[in-house]
Amino acid sequence: MKKRIVVVGSANADYSMRTETIPMPGETLSGSDFQFALGGKGANQAMACARLGGAVDFIACVGDDTAGQLALAAYEEAGINLEHVHVVDSPTGSALIFVADSGENSIGVAPGANARLTPTHIDAASQTLCDADYLLMQLESPMATLTYAAAMASKSETRVVLNPAPAQLLPEALLRSVDVLTPNQTELATLTDQPIDSAEAIQMAARSLLDRGPETIIVTLGAAGALVVSRDTCIEVNAPSVTPIDTTGAGDTFNGALLVALTEGRTLVEAVRFANHAAALSVTRRGAIDSIPGRVEVDGFL
């Protein structure tokens, strides 16, 4: 039987537009390629787990609207267990995304139904959560709910992986329940209030987080790969070179791929290498969920 992953997180409808550059404050730019797609960091990561061969349960809220119906159908088709995805009387969360010609992006998020995910929903899924091997979370859901879920998982020896995105400060109670933390450089700077201007600074900042609970920090570095930091380890894991088209969802693909590899018994460094390759493939195409590669494709790329 496959080891199971539980994802607690957000489900969004993404509205994206391509522009020459990211609009500055007060600036209006002509855009092209306006698209609607399903997204949300929780859904992206759950879809990545499923598409890459993982057994995944999703705990989330969607709205009683067209976007919510489309989301549920897509999740079911991907093979995600939807027993704990709740339809609530709020609009499905939404994200507005500008994608520059360089591939960089700028995103604004309205939580909608995601704000309705409560500890009561976690209690309803307690057996699923406590029986899982891994819990994967992000920060587009209420902090109190995430802290509650992490504490429940930690007590039952379900390993907790937290992707601290979007960047924000975290309560110490949440960090104490986390086993693996996966920030990018911006998120690392926010969490530590330290300058991240060199390789040495990244290592120092990551190590400072180890004293607050997590056993391992995996700092994602974009095209440079990732840095794995624990009390006795600091290992750089390079990423393959690709030409980026759209970086939306790359971090979510990385996290989903990481969890799948860990449930398959790979070492942490092997899992990060697998995740780097999955994320690299994702930036060569547009969209969030649409950009997540399949398992055969990642294995071939490796």
Foldseek 3Di string as FASTA:
>chain_A
DFFEEEEEFAKAKEWEWEFQDPDDVPDDTDTDDTDIDIDTLRLLLQLLLLQQPHAYEYAAEAEPDPSRVVSVVVCVVSPYHDPRYYYDHWHGKYKYWYAHQQQDIDIDIDRIRLAVRALVSCVVCLVVLLRGQEYEYEPSHDLRNLLSSLVSNQVSNRAYEYEHPPAAEHDLSSQQSHAEYEYEPVNLCRHQVFDDDDPVRSQVSQAVSQVSHYQWYWYQYPQQFIWIDGPPDTDGQHADDDRFRHQAQLVSSLNSQLVNCVSVPDDNSVSSHLSRQQSRQLRNDDDHSVSGDGNVVSVVSD
